[in-house]
Amino acid sequence: MRPVNEIAQDAVRAEIDARLATEVLGFLPELVAPDGPLALLRQKLALEPSITGSKVG
């Protein structure tokens, strides 16, 4: 797995998240599709200043 600030490009973490979401939590597969809401969330999370280590402003 890559560092958390590279979450948007981490295929291993994406697979873990997808399996957890569908197999454990029972989410619909559409939510974890490559262009679905979970992918968008991962992209936004990777840009968060607290994740990237940068300051806002």
C-alpha atoms as a PDB file:
ATOM      1  CA  MET A   1       0.000   0.000   0.000  1.00  0.00           C
ATOM      2  CA  ARG A   2       1.053   3.541  -0.736  1.00  0.00           C
ATOM      3  CA  PRO A   3       1.129   6.354   1.847  1.00  0.00           C
ATOM      4  CA  VAL A   4      -2.317   7.735   2.649  1.00  0.00           C
ATOM      5  CA  ASN A   5      -1.662  10.969   0.747  1.00  0.00           C
ATOM      6  CA  GLU A   6      -1.493   8.828  -2.430  1.00  0.00           C
ATOM      7  CA  ILE A   7      -4.868   7.212  -1.745  1.00  0.00           C
ATOM      8  CA  ALA A   8      -6.294   8.259  -5.121  1.00  0.00           C
ATOM      9  CA  GLN A   9      -3.625   6.210  -6.952  1.00  0.00           C
ATOM     10  CA  ASP A  10      -3.429   3.249  -4.559  1.00  0.00           C
ATOM     11  CA  ALA A  11      -4.965   0.211  -6.282  1.00  0.00           C
ATOM     12  CA  VAL A  12      -4.433  -2.057  -3.264  1.00  0.00           C
ATOM     13  CA  ARG A  13      -6.217   0.306  -0.893  1.00  0.00           C
ATOM     14  CA  ALA A  14      -9.008   0.765  -3.459  1.00  0.00           C
ATOM     15  CA  GLU A  15      -9.539  -2.997  -3.609  1.00  0.00           C
ATOM     16  CA  ILE A  16      -9.616  -3.262   0.189  1.00  0.00           C
ATOM     17  CA  ASP A  17     -12.095  -0.376   0.405  1.00  0.00           C
ATOM     18  CA  ALA A  18     -14.282  -1.853  -2.331  1.00  0.00           C
ATOM     19  CA  ARG A  19     -14.431  -5.274  -0.725  1.00  0.00           C
ATOM     20  CA  LEU A  20     -15.125  -3.834   2.716  1.00  0.00           C
ATOM     21  CA  ALA A  21     -17.880  -1.620   1.335  1.00  0.00           C
ATOM     22  CA  THR A  22     -19.619  -4.359  -0.655  1.00  0.00           C
ATOM     23  CA  GLU A  23     -18.909  -7.576   1.242  1.00  0.00           C
ATOM     24  CA  VAL A  24     -18.979  -6.330   4.821  1.00  0.00           C
ATOM     25  CA  LEU A  25     -21.120  -3.205   4.749  1.00  0.00           C
ATOM     26  CA  GLY A  26     -23.428  -4.362   1.951  1.00  0.00           C
ATOM     27  CA  PHE A  27     -23.077  -1.263  -0.258  1.00  0.00           C
ATOM     28  CA  LEU A  28     -24.127  -1.486  -3.885  1.00  0.00           C
ATOM     29  CA  PRO A  29     -21.276  -2.214  -6.331  1.00  0.00           C
ATOM     30  CA  GLU A  30     -22.087   1.027  -8.181  1.00  0.00           C
ATOM     31  CA  LEU A  31     -20.792   2.996  -5.196  1.00  0.00           C
ATOM     32  CA  VAL A  32     -17.319   1.489  -5.536  1.00  0.00           C
ATOM     33  CA  ALA A  33     -17.079   1.629  -9.336  1.00  0.00           C
ATOM     34  CA  PRO A  34     -13.946   3.330 -10.742  1.00  0.00           C
ATOM     35  CA  ASP A  35     -16.001   6.446 -11.524  1.00  0.00           C
ATOM     36  CA  GLY A  36     -18.344   6.138  -8.543  1.00  0.00           C
ATOM     37  CA  PRO A  37     -18.773   8.117  -5.342  1.00  0.00           C
ATOM     38  CA  LEU A  38     -16.083   6.253  -3.413  1.00  0.00           C
ATOM     39  CA  ALA A  39     -13.500   7.077  -6.109  1.00  0.00           C
ATOM     40  CA  LEU A  40     -14.477  10.745  -5.921  1.00  0.00           C
ATOM     41  CA  LEU A  41     -14.175  10.658  -2.137  1.00  0.00           C
ATOM     42  CA  ARG A  42     -10.683   9.115  -2.430  1.00  0.00           C
ATOM     43  CA  GLN A  43      -9.623  11.871  -4.855  1.00  0.00           C
ATOM     44  CA  LYS A  44     -10.910  14.600  -2.557  1.00  0.00           C
ATOM     45  CA  LEU A  45      -9.347  13.007   0.507  1.00  0.00           C
ATOM     46  CA  ALA A  46      -5.956  12.927  -1.229  1.00  0.00           C
ATOM     47  CA  LEU A  47      -6.172  16.721  -1.672  1.00  0.00           C
ATOM     48  CA  GLU A  48      -6.978  17.469   1.975  1.00  0.00           C
ATOM     49  CA  PRO A  49      -4.301  19.667   3.590  1.00  0.00           C
ATOM     50  CA  SER A  50      -4.281  17.506   6.724  1.00  0.00           C
ATOM     51  CA  ILE A  51      -3.478  14.481   4.524  1.00  0.00           C
ATOM     52  CA  THR A  52      -0.983  16.175   2.202  1.00  0.00           C
ATOM     53  CA  GLY A  53       0.812  17.940   5.042  1.00  0.00           C
ATOM     54  CA  SER A  54       0.251  21.414   3.614  1.00  0.00           C
ATOM     55  CA  LYS A  55      -1.373  24.485   5.097  1.00  0.00           C
ATOM     56  CA  VAL A  56      -4.546  26.132   3.858  1.00  0.00           C
ATOM     57  CA  GLY A  57      -4.353  29.757   2.849  1.00  0.00           C
END
